[in-house]
Protein backbone atom coordinates (compact mmCIF):
# COMPACT_ATOMS: atom_id res chain seq x y z
CA UNK A 1 2.78 -9.72 19.38
CA UNK A 2 5.25 -6.83 18.84
CA UNK A 3 4.72 -5.20 15.36
CA UNK A 4 2.15 -4.95 13.03
CA UNK A 5 3.54 -3.72 9.42
CA UNK A 6 0.92 -1.97 7.81
CA UNK A 7 -0.26 -1.48 3.75
CA UNK A 8 -0.60 1.86 2.73
CA UNK A 9 -3.24 2.37 0.12
CA UNK A 10 -6.63 1.51 1.12
CA UNK A 11 -5.27 0.06 4.55
CA UNK A 12 -3.77 3.29 6.62
CA UNK A 13 -4.74 6.26 3.57
CA UNK A 14 -7.36 6.84 0.79
CA UNK A 15 -4.75 7.30 -1.68
CA UNK A 16 -7.18 6.81 -5.28
CA UNK A 17 -7.73 10.93 -5.81
CA UNK A 18 -3.64 11.51 -6.52
CA UNK A 19 -3.16 8.31 -8.14
CA UNK A 20 -5.97 8.75 -10.70
CA UNK A 21 -5.37 12.59 -10.89
CA UNK A 22 -1.57 11.49 -12.16
CA UNK A 23 -2.62 8.62 -14.01
CA UNK A 24 -5.09 10.96 -16.09
CA UNK A 25 -2.99 13.54 -16.70
CA UNK A 26 -0.55 10.68 -18.09
CA UNK A 27 -3.16 8.86 -20.34
CA UNK A 28 -4.28 12.28 -21.80
CA UNK A 29 -0.96 13.15 -22.55
CA UNK A 30 -0.26 10.05 -24.49
CA UNK A 31 -3.98 10.11 -26.03
CA UNK A 32 -5.65 7.84 -23.49
CA UNK A 33 -9.05 8.32 -22.80
CA UNK A 34 -9.31 8.67 -18.64
CA UNK A 35 -10.05 6.25 -16.21
CA UNK A 36 -12.65 6.86 -13.43
CA UNK A 37 -12.18 6.02 -9.36
CA UNK A 38 -13.50 2.51 -9.90
CA UNK A 39 -10.91 1.50 -12.87
CA UNK A 40 -7.88 2.87 -9.91
CA UNK A 41 -9.53 0.81 -7.28
CA UNK A 42 -9.36 -1.98 -9.42
CA UNK A 43 -5.94 -1.55 -10.57
CA UNK A 44 -3.77 -0.69 -7.77
CA UNK A 45 -1.90 -3.35 -5.72
CA UNK A 46 0.98 -4.39 -7.86
CA UNK A 47 3.22 -1.05 -8.44
CA UNK A 48 2.87 1.19 -10.29
CA UNK A 49 4.08 -0.26 -13.99
CA UNK A 50 1.01 -2.86 -14.26
CA UNK A 51 -1.56 0.08 -13.05
CA UNK A 52 -0.39 1.75 -16.12
CA UNK A 53 -0.35 -1.52 -18.28
CA UNK A 54 -3.54 -2.15 -17.45
CA UNK A 55 -4.30 1.70 -17.65
CA UNK A 56 -3.22 1.84 -21.71
CA UNK A 57 -4.98 -1.32 -22.01
CA UNK A 58 -4.26 -3.79 -25.09
CA UNK A 59 -0.66 -0.91 -26.13
CA UNK A 60 0.45 -2.70 -23.00
CA UNK A 61 2.50 -5.03 -25.21
CA UNK A 62 4.67 -2.26 -26.03
CA UNK A 63 7.09 -2.47 -22.94
CA UNK A 64 8.88 1.35 -24.54
CA UNK A 65 5.16 2.57 -24.31
CA UNK A 66 4.21 1.60 -21.19
CA UNK A 67 7.73 2.41 -19.73
CA UNK A 68 7.61 6.32 -21.13
CA UNK A 69 4.17 6.72 -19.68
CA UNK A 70 4.95 5.26 -16.76
CA UNK A 71 7.84 7.48 -16.03
CA UNK A 72 5.54 10.96 -17.16
CA UNK A 73 3.06 9.45 -14.48
CA UNK A 74 6.02 9.37 -11.71
CA UNK A 75 6.72 12.82 -12.70
CA UNK A 76 3.13 13.95 -12.10
CA UNK A 77 2.01 11.98 -8.95
CA UNK A 78 5.22 13.06 -7.46
CA UNK A 79 3.65 16.68 -7.57
CA UNK A 80 0.15 15.49 -6.98
CA UNK A 81 0.23 13.00 -4.10
CA UNK A 82 -1.70 14.47 -2.00
CA UNK A 83 -5.04 15.10 -4.19
CA UNK A 84 -8.08 14.29 -2.42
CA UNK A 85 -6.15 12.17 0.33
CA UNK A 86 -7.33 11.02 3.56
CA UNK A 87 -6.54 8.59 6.62
CA UNK A 88 -9.36 6.58 7.19
CA UNK A 89 -11.76 6.16 10.13
CA UNK A 90 -10.30 4.78 13.21
CA UNK A 91 -6.61 4.32 11.96
CA UNK A 92 -4.93 7.82 14.31
CA UNK A 93 -6.72 6.56 17.13
CA UNK A 94 -5.27 2.45 16.76
CA UNK A 95 -1.83 3.76 16.02
CA UNK A 96 -1.33 5.82 19.69
CA UNK A 97 -3.02 2.47 21.47
CA UNK A 98 -0.79 0.52 19.28
CA UNK A 99 2.27 2.87 20.54
CA UNK A 100 0.81 3.00 24.17
CA UNK A 101 1.08 -0.95 24.00
CA UNK A 102 4.88 -0.86 23.42
CA UNK A 103 4.07 -2.08 19.61
CA UNK A 104 6.42 -1.34 16.79
CA UNK A 105 5.21 0.21 13.52
CA UNK A 106 6.02 0.05 9.85
CA UNK A 107 4.16 0.42 6.92
CA UNK A 108 5.75 -1.79 3.30
CA UNK A 109 3.57 -0.34 0.16
CA UNK A 110 4.55 -1.42 -3.78
CA UNK A 111 3.49 2.36 -3.95
CA UNK A 112 7.35 4.24 -5.47
CA UNK A 113 9.28 4.49 -2.17
CA UNK A 114 9.91 8.72 -2.38
CA UNK A 115 5.73 8.97 -2.55
CA UNK A 116 5.26 6.41 0.26
CA UNK A 117 8.17 8.66 2.43
CA UNK A 118 5.98 11.58 1.54
CA UNK A 119 1.96 10.37 2.14
CA UNK A 120 3.56 8.63 5.41
CA UNK A 121 5.10 11.42 6.97
CA UNK A 122 2.25 13.90 6.32
CA UNK A 123 0.43 12.03 8.96
CA UNK A 124 2.66 10.36 11.01
CA UNK A 125 6.53 11.29 12.59
CA UNK A 126 9.06 8.61 12.95
CA UNK A 127 8.16 8.11 16.91
CA UNK A 128 4.62 6.99 15.26
CA UNK A 129 5.93 4.96 12.29
CA UNK A 130 9.92 3.76 12.74
CA UNK A 131 10.14 2.11 9.03
CA UNK A 132 8.56 2.67 5.81
CA UNK A 133 9.09 0.70 2.73
CA UNK A 134 8.45 1.36 -0.83
CA UNK A 135 8.55 -0.18 -4.27
CA UNK A 136 12.84 0.22 -4.98
CA UNK A 137 15.45 -1.40 -6.70
CA UNK A 138 16.67 -2.51 -3.21
CA UNK A 139 13.46 -5.08 -2.84
CA UNK A 140 11.18 -6.59 -5.41
CA UNK A 141 7.48 -5.53 -4.88
CA UNK A 142 5.28 -7.44 -2.91
CA UNK A 143 4.22 -10.53 -2.41
CA UNK A 144 8.03 -10.86 -2.39
CA UNK A 145 8.42 -11.08 1.21
CA UNK A 146 12.51 -9.08 0.69
CA UNK A 147 10.86 -5.75 1.79
CA UNK A 148 8.94 -7.02 4.66
CA UNK A 149 11.48 -9.11 6.47
CA UNK A 150 13.98 -6.53 5.72
CA UNK A 151 12.21 -4.00 7.54
CA UNK A 152 11.31 -6.91 10.49
CA UNK A 153 15.05 -7.47 10.73
CA UNK A 154 15.22 -3.34 11.39
CA UNK A 155 12.61 -3.67 14.33
CA UNK A 156 14.44 -6.87 15.43
CA UNK A 157 11.27 -8.44 15.33
CA UNK A 158 10.53 -11.83 14.21
CA UNK A 159 7.65 -12.48 11.56
CA UNK A 160 5.91 -14.60 14.26
CA UNK A 161 5.67 -11.72 16.55
CA UNK A 162 4.31 -9.74 14.23
CA UNK A 163 1.24 -8.89 12.25
CA UNK A 164 0.79 -7.94 8.23
CA UNK A 165 -2.28 -5.38 8.02
CA UNK A 166 -4.02 -5.18 4.71
CA UNK A 167 -6.76 -4.60 2.19
CA UNK A 168 -6.03 -7.17 -0.87
CA UNK A 169 -4.85 -10.60 -1.91
CA UNK A 170 -1.38 -9.16 -2.21
CA UNK A 171 -1.30 -8.28 1.27
CA UNK A 172 -2.42 -11.82 2.15
CA UNK A 173 0.36 -13.60 -0.28
CA UNK A 174 2.79 -11.15 1.21
CA UNK A 175 1.95 -12.10 4.98
CA UNK A 176 2.21 -16.14 4.00
CA UNK A 177 5.74 -15.79 2.61
CA UNK A 178 6.99 -14.01 5.24
CA UNK A 179 5.22 -16.40 7.49
CA UNK A 180 3.01 -13.92 9.28
CA UNK A 181 -0.31 -13.79 10.17
CA UNK A 182 -2.53 -11.29 8.18
CA UNK A 183 -5.33 -9.28 8.80
CA UNK A 184 -7.14 -8.41 6.07
CA UNK A 185 -9.70 -4.56 6.37
CA UNK A 186 -13.04 -4.29 4.14
CA UNK A 187 -12.75 -0.77 3.92
CA UNK A 188 -10.10 -0.87 1.47
CA UNK A 189 -9.83 -0.97 -2.18
CA UNK A 190 -9.51 -5.25 -2.53
CA UNK A 191 -12.31 -7.65 -2.93
CA UNK A 192 -14.17 -9.68 -1.02
CA UNK A 193 -14.04 -12.84 -2.58
CA UNK A 194 -9.96 -12.49 -2.20
CA UNK A 195 -10.11 -12.47 1.92
CA UNK A 196 -10.85 -15.95 2.47
CA UNK A 197 -7.17 -17.22 3.09
CA UNK A 198 -6.52 -14.55 5.83
CA UNK A 199 -6.12 -14.93 9.12
CA UNK A 200 -8.51 -12.26 10.72
CA UNK A 201 -10.86 -10.13 8.82
CA UNK A 202 -11.71 -6.56 9.92
CA UNK A 203 -14.23 -4.25 9.65
CA UNK A 204 -13.12 -1.26 11.60
CA UNK A 205 -9.45 -0.40 12.68
CA UNK A 206 -10.73 -0.82 15.95
CA UNK A 207 -10.84 -4.40 15.85
CA UNK A 208 -7.23 -4.81 15.43
CA UNK A 209 -6.64 -3.64 19.55
CA UNK A 210 -8.69 -7.15 20.11
CA UNK A 211 -6.52 -9.49 18.51
CA UNK A 212 -2.82 -7.95 20.24
């Protein structure tokens, strides 16, 4: 293998603290009750708009309202993205070990691109993680393969020479749509019942090295 593309939330970094904090500020602003961590763990993965739609419940049929709450959430999240932010156990060592083996590393996430850049760069510089592709107008969200395939093209690596590492069914579907083998980590936000279609399932970051 020549490259690994990582999902961000629930795979490299636990980001739920900032997401929940900002989303609850938005819910309060528009008269909704706050949601707990478990709700946000189950709601993320398909992009910020779907997250907010789930958070406001039956009122999500009102697209204008969803857009308004979403914009407020994004504004708060750009300020509060680092709330309770932490890297998962073994990730820092894994990245260093992969680089020693000459593996190119990228991050592909449905998190808004501006915030994804801030989060990743707060832990890893460009010498470690070369490419970051977050949610943006240029690419449809995962599981659409466009953003991932563009990243691989930038890295000059084929899908067959790469792994996609994530924590959810969205990541498994993304890998399949790209023609890449998938590695699913069990420490993230995904549900075990969705892991069956993954090529590999791991319980600790260090296990990835055994697959290279």
